All heavy atoms as atom14 arrays in JSON, in Angstrom:
{
  "sequence": "ISDYDMPGSNGIEFLETVRERYDDIPFILFTGKG",
  "atom14_mask": [
    [1, 1, 1, 1, 1, 1, 1, 1, 0, 0, 0, 0, 0, 0],
    [1, 1, 1, 1, 1, 1, 0, 0, 0, 0, 0, 0, 0, 0],
    [1, 1, 1, 1, 1, 1, 1, 1, 0, 0, 0, 0, 0, 0],
    [1, 1, 1, 1, 1, 1, 1, 1, 1, 1, 1, 1, 0, 0],
    [1, 1, 1, 1, 1, 1, 1, 1, 0, 0, 0, 0, 0, 0],
    [1, 1, 1, 1, 1, 1, 1, 1, 0, 0, 0, 0, 0, 0],
    [1, 1, 1, 1, 1, 1, 1, 0, 0, 0, 0, 0, 0, 0],
    [1, 1, 1, 1, 0, 0, 0, 0, 0, 0, 0, 0, 0, 0],
    [1, 1, 1, 1, 1, 1, 0, 0, 0, 0, 0, 0, 0, 0],
    [1, 1, 1, 1, 1, 1, 1, 1, 0, 0, 0, 0, 0, 0],
    [1, 1, 1, 1, 0, 0, 0, 0, 0, 0, 0, 0, 0, 0],
    [1, 1, 1, 1, 1, 1, 1, 1, 0, 0, 0, 0, 0, 0],
    [1, 1, 1, 1, 1, 1, 1, 1, 1, 0, 0, 0, 0, 0],
    [1, 1, 1, 1, 1, 1, 1, 1, 1, 1, 1, 0, 0, 0],
    [1, 1, 1, 1, 1, 1, 1, 1, 0, 0, 0, 0, 0, 0],
    [1, 1, 1, 1, 1, 1, 1, 1, 1, 0, 0, 0, 0, 0],
    [1, 1, 1, 1, 1, 1, 1, 0, 0, 0, 0, 0, 0, 0],
    [1, 1, 1, 1, 1, 1, 1, 0, 0, 0, 0, 0, 0, 0],
    [1, 1, 1, 1, 1, 1, 1, 1, 1, 1, 1, 0, 0, 0],
    [1, 1, 1, 1, 1, 1, 1, 1, 1, 0, 0, 0, 0, 0],
    [1, 1, 1, 1, 1, 1, 1, 1, 1, 1, 1, 0, 0, 0],
    [1, 1, 1, 1, 1, 1, 1, 1, 1, 1, 1, 1, 0, 0],
    [1, 1, 1, 1, 1, 1, 1, 1, 0, 0, 0, 0, 0, 0],
    [1, 1, 1, 1, 1, 1, 1, 1, 0, 0, 0, 0, 0, 0],
    [1, 1, 1, 1, 1, 1, 1, 1, 0, 0, 0, 0, 0, 0],
    [1, 1, 1, 1, 1, 1, 1, 0, 0, 0, 0, 0, 0, 0],
    [1, 1, 1, 1, 1, 1, 1, 1, 1, 1, 1, 0, 0, 0],
    [1, 1, 1, 1, 1, 1, 1, 1, 0, 0, 0, 0, 0, 0],
    [1, 1, 1, 1, 1, 1, 1, 1, 0, 0, 0, 0, 0, 0],
    [1, 1, 1, 1, 1, 1, 1, 1, 1, 1, 1, 0, 0, 0],
    [1, 1, 1, 1, 1, 1, 1, 0, 0, 0, 0, 0, 0, 0],
    [1, 1, 1, 1, 0, 0, 0, 0, 0, 0, 0, 0, 0, 0],
    [1, 1, 1, 1, 1, 1, 1, 1, 1, 0, 0, 0, 0, 0],
    [1, 1, 1, 1, 0, 0, 0, 0, 0, 0, 0, 0, 0, 0]
  ],
  "atom14_positions": [
    [[78.09, 137.61, 57.38], [77.34, 137.0, 56.15], [77.29, 135.52, 56.47], [78.16, 134.83, 56.9], [78.03, 137.19, 54.75], [78.52, 138.62, 54.56], [77.31, 136.63, 53.73], [79.31, 138.8, 53.46], [0.0, 0.0, 0.0], [0.0, 0.0, 0.0], [0.0, 0.0, 0.0], [0.0, 0.0, 0.0], [0.0, 0.0, 0.0], [0.0, 0.0, 0.0]],
    [[76.13, 134.9, 56.21], [75.97, 133.51, 56.64], [75.01, 132.86, 55.5], [74.07, 133.32, 55.11], [75.33, 133.36, 58.05], [75.03, 132.11, 58.34], [0.0, 0.0, 0.0], [0.0, 0.0, 0.0], [0.0, 0.0, 0.0], [0.0, 0.0, 0.0], [0.0, 0.0, 0.0], [0.0, 0.0, 0.0], [0.0, 0.0, 0.0], [0.0, 0.0, 0.0]],
    [[75.44, 131.55, 55.3], [74.57, 130.65, 54.47], [73.43, 130.23, 55.47], [73.44, 130.35, 56.67], [75.39, 129.54, 54.03], [74.63, 128.56, 52.95], [73.55, 129.02, 52.54], [74.98, 127.54, 52.8], [0.0, 0.0, 0.0], [0.0, 0.0, 0.0], [0.0, 0.0, 0.0], [0.0, 0.0, 0.0], [0.0, 0.0, 0.0], [0.0, 0.0, 0.0]],
    [[72.33, 129.58, 54.88], [71.34, 129.17, 55.64], [71.35, 127.71, 55.98], [71.37, 127.23, 57.13], [69.87, 129.39, 54.98], [68.71, 128.65, 55.63], [68.28, 129.21, 56.89], [68.2, 127.46, 55.2], [67.19, 128.53, 57.53], [67.19, 126.84, 55.82], [66.69, 127.34, 56.93], [65.6, 126.76, 57.62], [0.0, 0.0, 0.0], [0.0, 0.0, 0.0]],
    [[71.55, 126.86, 54.98], [71.47, 125.42, 55.16], [72.84, 124.92, 55.39], [73.74, 124.8, 54.48], [70.92, 124.81, 53.86], [70.55, 123.27, 53.99], [70.57, 122.85, 55.21], [70.15, 122.58, 53.04], [0.0, 0.0, 0.0], [0.0, 0.0, 0.0], [0.0, 0.0, 0.0], [0.0, 0.0, 0.0], [0.0, 0.0, 0.0], [0.0, 0.0, 0.0]],
    [[73.29, 124.59, 56.66], [74.62, 124.2, 57.12], [74.28, 123.01, 58.11], [73.39, 122.98, 58.71], [75.26, 125.32, 57.71], [75.68, 126.46, 56.68], [76.69, 127.59, 57.58], [75.44, 128.35, 58.64], [0.0, 0.0, 0.0], [0.0, 0.0, 0.0], [0.0, 0.0, 0.0], [0.0, 0.0, 0.0], [0.0, 0.0, 0.0], [0.0, 0.0, 0.0]],
    [[75.26, 122.1, 58.13], [75.18, 121.01, 59.23], [75.08, 121.54, 60.59], [75.73, 122.58, 60.84], [76.41, 120.16, 58.98], [76.91, 120.61, 57.51], [76.51, 121.95, 57.34], [0.0, 0.0, 0.0], [0.0, 0.0, 0.0], [0.0, 0.0, 0.0], [0.0, 0.0, 0.0], [0.0, 0.0, 0.0], [0.0, 0.0, 0.0], [0.0, 0.0, 0.0]],
    [[74.52, 120.86, 61.46], [74.47, 121.36, 62.85], [73.34, 122.41, 63.04], [72.19, 122.19, 62.91], [0.0, 0.0, 0.0], [0.0, 0.0, 0.0], [0.0, 0.0, 0.0], [0.0, 0.0, 0.0], [0.0, 0.0, 0.0], [0.0, 0.0, 0.0], [0.0, 0.0, 0.0], [0.0, 0.0, 0.0], [0.0, 0.0, 0.0], [0.0, 0.0, 0.0]],
    [[73.95, 123.67, 63.15], [72.97, 124.9, 63.23], [72.8, 125.51, 61.95], [73.81, 125.73, 61.2], [73.57, 125.79, 64.35], [73.59, 125.18, 65.61], [0.0, 0.0, 0.0], [0.0, 0.0, 0.0], [0.0, 0.0, 0.0], [0.0, 0.0, 0.0], [0.0, 0.0, 0.0], [0.0, 0.0, 0.0], [0.0, 0.0, 0.0], [0.0, 0.0, 0.0]],
    [[71.64, 125.91, 61.57], [71.39, 126.53, 60.4], [71.55, 128.12, 60.48], [71.88, 128.68, 61.61], [70.08, 126.33, 59.79], [68.89, 126.79, 60.63], [69.04, 127.77, 61.25], [67.87, 126.03, 60.6], [0.0, 0.0, 0.0], [0.0, 0.0, 0.0], [0.0, 0.0, 0.0], [0.0, 0.0, 0.0], [0.0, 0.0, 0.0], [0.0, 0.0, 0.0]],
    [[71.47, 128.86, 59.45], [71.77, 130.27, 59.41], [70.77, 131.06, 60.32], [71.28, 132.05, 60.92], [0.0, 0.0, 0.0], [0.0, 0.0, 0.0], [0.0, 0.0, 0.0], [0.0, 0.0, 0.0], [0.0, 0.0, 0.0], [0.0, 0.0, 0.0], [0.0, 0.0, 0.0], [0.0, 0.0, 0.0], [0.0, 0.0, 0.0], [0.0, 0.0, 0.0]],
    [[69.52, 130.58, 60.49], [68.56, 131.38, 61.35], [69.07, 131.19, 62.78], [69.1, 132.04, 63.59], [67.13, 130.66, 61.17], [66.75, 131.08, 59.67], [66.26, 131.52, 62.19], [66.57, 132.52, 59.29], [0.0, 0.0, 0.0], [0.0, 0.0, 0.0], [0.0, 0.0, 0.0], [0.0, 0.0, 0.0], [0.0, 0.0, 0.0], [0.0, 0.0, 0.0]],
    [[69.45, 129.99, 63.19], [69.86, 129.61, 64.58], [71.09, 130.44, 64.85], [71.36, 130.98, 66.04], [70.09, 128.22, 64.82], [68.68, 127.42, 64.64], [69.07, 125.86, 64.61], [70.26, 125.56, 64.29], [68.18, 125.06, 64.9], [0.0, 0.0, 0.0], [0.0, 0.0, 0.0], [0.0, 0.0, 0.0], [0.0, 0.0, 0.0], [0.0, 0.0, 0.0]],
    [[72.02, 130.57, 63.82], [73.23, 131.39, 63.98], [72.93, 132.81, 64.22], [73.43, 133.57, 65.06], [74.01, 131.12, 62.76], [75.43, 132.0, 62.73], [76.04, 132.13, 64.02], [75.83, 132.5, 61.67], [77.25, 133.0, 63.96], [77.1, 133.22, 61.51], [77.78, 133.44, 62.81], [0.0, 0.0, 0.0], [0.0, 0.0, 0.0], [0.0, 0.0, 0.0]],
    [[71.84, 133.4, 63.36], [71.4, 134.7, 63.51], [70.94, 135.04, 64.9], [71.1, 136.11, 65.55], [70.44, 134.98, 62.4], [69.6, 136.34, 62.55], [70.58, 137.56, 62.57], [68.58, 136.41, 61.54], [0.0, 0.0, 0.0], [0.0, 0.0, 0.0], [0.0, 0.0, 0.0], [0.0, 0.0, 0.0], [0.0, 0.0, 0.0], [0.0, 0.0, 0.0]],
    [[70.06, 134.14, 65.39], [69.49, 134.23, 66.78], [70.52, 134.3, 67.85], [70.42, 135.21, 68.8], [68.46, 133.15, 67.03], [67.28, 133.2, 66.19], [66.34, 131.96, 66.37], [66.79, 130.93, 66.89], [65.24, 131.96, 66.02], [0.0, 0.0, 0.0], [0.0, 0.0, 0.0], [0.0, 0.0, 0.0], [0.0, 0.0, 0.0], [0.0, 0.0, 0.0]],
    [[71.49, 133.46, 67.66], [72.65, 133.47, 68.76], [73.47, 134.86, 68.64], [73.85, 135.41, 69.63], [73.57, 132.36, 68.41], [72.88, 131.14, 68.52], [74.64, 132.29, 69.51], [0.0, 0.0, 0.0], [0.0, 0.0, 0.0], [0.0, 0.0, 0.0], [0.0, 0.0, 0.0], [0.0, 0.0, 0.0], [0.0, 0.0, 0.0], [0.0, 0.0, 0.0]],
    [[73.64, 135.22, 67.33], [74.36, 136.61, 67.15], [73.72, 137.66, 67.72], [74.23, 138.54, 68.44], [74.68, 136.75, 65.68], [75.24, 138.23, 65.51], [75.8, 135.79, 65.15], [0.0, 0.0, 0.0], [0.0, 0.0, 0.0], [0.0, 0.0, 0.0], [0.0, 0.0, 0.0], [0.0, 0.0, 0.0], [0.0, 0.0, 0.0], [0.0, 0.0, 0.0]],
    [[72.32, 137.74, 67.57], [71.47, 138.82, 68.01], [71.47, 138.91, 69.61], [71.45, 139.86, 70.23], [70.03, 138.66, 67.45], [70.01, 139.08, 66.18], [70.12, 140.72, 65.99], [70.23, 141.21, 64.63], [71.27, 141.53, 64.06], [72.54, 141.43, 64.77], [71.43, 141.98, 62.85], [0.0, 0.0, 0.0], [0.0, 0.0, 0.0], [0.0, 0.0, 0.0]],
    [[71.57, 137.55, 70.15], [71.62, 137.62, 71.7], [72.92, 138.16, 72.18], [72.87, 138.87, 73.33], [71.46, 136.14, 72.22], [70.1, 135.51, 71.9], [70.01, 134.01, 72.34], [71.0, 133.51, 72.71], [69.0, 133.41, 72.15], [0.0, 0.0, 0.0], [0.0, 0.0, 0.0], [0.0, 0.0, 0.0], [0.0, 0.0, 0.0], [0.0, 0.0, 0.0]],
    [[73.98, 137.95, 71.51], [75.33, 138.37, 71.96], [75.8, 139.64, 71.44], [76.5, 140.44, 72.11], [76.26, 137.21, 71.81], [75.99, 135.97, 72.37], [77.1, 134.86, 71.92], [76.62, 133.65, 72.38], [77.43, 132.44, 72.28], [78.63, 132.6, 71.54], [76.96, 131.32, 72.7], [0.0, 0.0, 0.0], [0.0, 0.0, 0.0], [0.0, 0.0, 0.0]],
    [[75.49, 139.97, 70.13], [75.79, 141.11, 69.46], [74.71, 141.78, 68.81], [74.67, 141.7, 67.4], [77.1, 140.84, 68.43], [78.02, 139.83, 69.0], [78.04, 138.47, 68.69], [79.18, 140.22, 69.81], [78.9, 137.53, 69.18], [80.08, 139.3, 70.29], [80.01, 137.94, 69.96], [80.85, 137.12, 70.42], [0.0, 0.0, 0.0], [0.0, 0.0, 0.0]],
    [[73.91, 142.34, 69.46], [72.66, 142.78, 68.81], [72.62, 143.95, 67.79], [71.78, 144.22, 67.15], [71.67, 143.27, 69.89], [72.13, 144.37, 70.68], [73.34, 144.78, 70.57], [71.33, 145.09, 71.47], [0.0, 0.0, 0.0], [0.0, 0.0, 0.0], [0.0, 0.0, 0.0], [0.0, 0.0, 0.0], [0.0, 0.0, 0.0], [0.0, 0.0, 0.0]],
    [[73.93, 144.62, 67.66], [73.96, 145.7, 66.8], [74.84, 145.44, 65.58], [74.99, 146.29, 64.74], [74.6, 146.9, 67.54], [75.97, 146.71, 68.16], [76.34, 145.41, 68.14], [76.62, 147.63, 68.42], [0.0, 0.0, 0.0], [0.0, 0.0, 0.0], [0.0, 0.0, 0.0], [0.0, 0.0, 0.0], [0.0, 0.0, 0.0], [0.0, 0.0, 0.0]],
    [[75.41, 144.27, 65.39], [76.2, 144.01, 64.18], [75.4, 143.64, 63.06], [74.32, 142.8, 63.12], [77.17, 142.77, 64.56], [78.16, 142.69, 63.42], [76.36, 141.57, 64.77], [79.29, 141.71, 63.77], [0.0, 0.0, 0.0], [0.0, 0.0, 0.0], [0.0, 0.0, 0.0], [0.0, 0.0, 0.0], [0.0, 0.0, 0.0], [0.0, 0.0, 0.0]],
    [[75.51, 144.15, 61.86], [74.72, 143.87, 60.65], [74.96, 142.36, 60.25], [75.99, 141.84, 60.41], [75.22, 144.8, 59.58], [75.89, 145.97, 60.41], [76.45, 145.28, 61.64], [0.0, 0.0, 0.0], [0.0, 0.0, 0.0], [0.0, 0.0, 0.0], [0.0, 0.0, 0.0], [0.0, 0.0, 0.0], [0.0, 0.0, 0.0], [0.0, 0.0, 0.0]],
    [[73.76, 141.71, 59.95], [73.77, 140.34, 59.56], [73.02, 140.15, 58.15], [71.96, 140.49, 58.2], [73.11, 139.64, 60.79], [73.29, 137.91, 60.66], [74.17, 137.44, 61.51], [72.67, 137.28, 59.72], [74.37, 135.98, 61.38], [72.8, 135.86, 59.66], [73.75, 135.22, 60.55], [0.0, 0.0, 0.0], [0.0, 0.0, 0.0], [0.0, 0.0, 0.0]],
    [[73.83, 139.64, 57.26], [73.24, 139.36, 55.99], [73.05, 137.84, 55.66], [74.08, 137.13, 55.83], [73.98, 139.94, 54.83], [74.11, 141.46, 55.05], [73.37, 139.66, 53.48], [74.93, 142.2, 54.0], [0.0, 0.0, 0.0], [0.0, 0.0, 0.0], [0.0, 0.0, 0.0], [0.0, 0.0, 0.0], [0.0, 0.0, 0.0], [0.0, 0.0, 0.0]],
    [[71.86, 137.45, 55.41], [71.7, 135.96, 55.16], [71.7, 135.7, 53.66], [71.0, 136.22, 52.82], [70.24, 135.52, 55.63], [69.99, 133.93, 55.69], [70.91, 133.4, 56.75], [68.59, 133.7, 56.05], [0.0, 0.0, 0.0], [0.0, 0.0, 0.0], [0.0, 0.0, 0.0], [0.0, 0.0, 0.0], [0.0, 0.0, 0.0], [0.0, 0.0, 0.0]],
    [[72.87, 135.1, 53.23], [73.23, 134.94, 51.75], [73.2, 133.35, 51.55], [74.06, 132.57, 51.78], [74.63, 135.41, 51.55], [75.09, 135.37, 50.1], [74.36, 135.97, 49.18], [76.46, 134.86, 49.98], [74.73, 135.83, 47.94], [76.81, 134.64, 48.61], [76.05, 135.21, 47.5], [0.0, 0.0, 0.0], [0.0, 0.0, 0.0], [0.0, 0.0, 0.0]],
    [[72.02, 133.06, 51.0], [71.72, 131.52, 51.07], [71.12, 131.18, 49.52], [70.53, 131.87, 48.85], [70.62, 131.15, 52.1], [70.32, 129.83, 51.97], [69.42, 132.09, 51.9], [0.0, 0.0, 0.0], [0.0, 0.0, 0.0], [0.0, 0.0, 0.0], [0.0, 0.0, 0.0], [0.0, 0.0, 0.0], [0.0, 0.0, 0.0], [0.0, 0.0, 0.0]],
    [[71.44, 129.88, 49.31], [70.96, 129.31, 48.03], [69.54, 128.59, 48.24], [68.82, 128.41, 47.34], [0.0, 0.0, 0.0], [0.0, 0.0, 0.0], [0.0, 0.0, 0.0], [0.0, 0.0, 0.0], [0.0, 0.0, 0.0], [0.0, 0.0, 0.0], [0.0, 0.0, 0.0], [0.0, 0.0, 0.0], [0.0, 0.0, 0.0], [0.0, 0.0, 0.0]],
    [[69.17, 128.47, 49.58], [67.92, 127.9, 49.83], [66.96, 129.01, 50.08], [66.72, 129.37, 51.2], [67.98, 126.91, 50.97], [66.72, 126.17, 51.37], [66.92, 125.17, 52.46], [65.54, 124.43, 52.67], [65.72, 123.45, 53.79], [0.0, 0.0, 0.0], [0.0, 0.0, 0.0], [0.0, 0.0, 0.0], [0.0, 0.0, 0.0], [0.0, 0.0, 0.0]],
    [[66.5, 129.66, 49.05], [65.43, 130.73, 49.29], [64.02, 130.39, 49.29], [63.55, 129.57, 48.57], [0.0, 0.0, 0.0], [0.0, 0.0, 0.0], [0.0, 0.0, 0.0], [0.0, 0.0, 0.0], [0.0, 0.0, 0.0], [0.0, 0.0, 0.0], [0.0, 0.0, 0.0], [0.0, 0.0, 0.0], [0.0, 0.0, 0.0], [0.0, 0.0, 0.0]]
  ]
}
């Protein structure tokens, strides 16, 4: 589970990195910046 708006890398960049390394793990974007 990841927030979107975070210092450094945001949730989308985090998601892209996770998909490159762990493509089958479920990823939920749980964010206040919708």
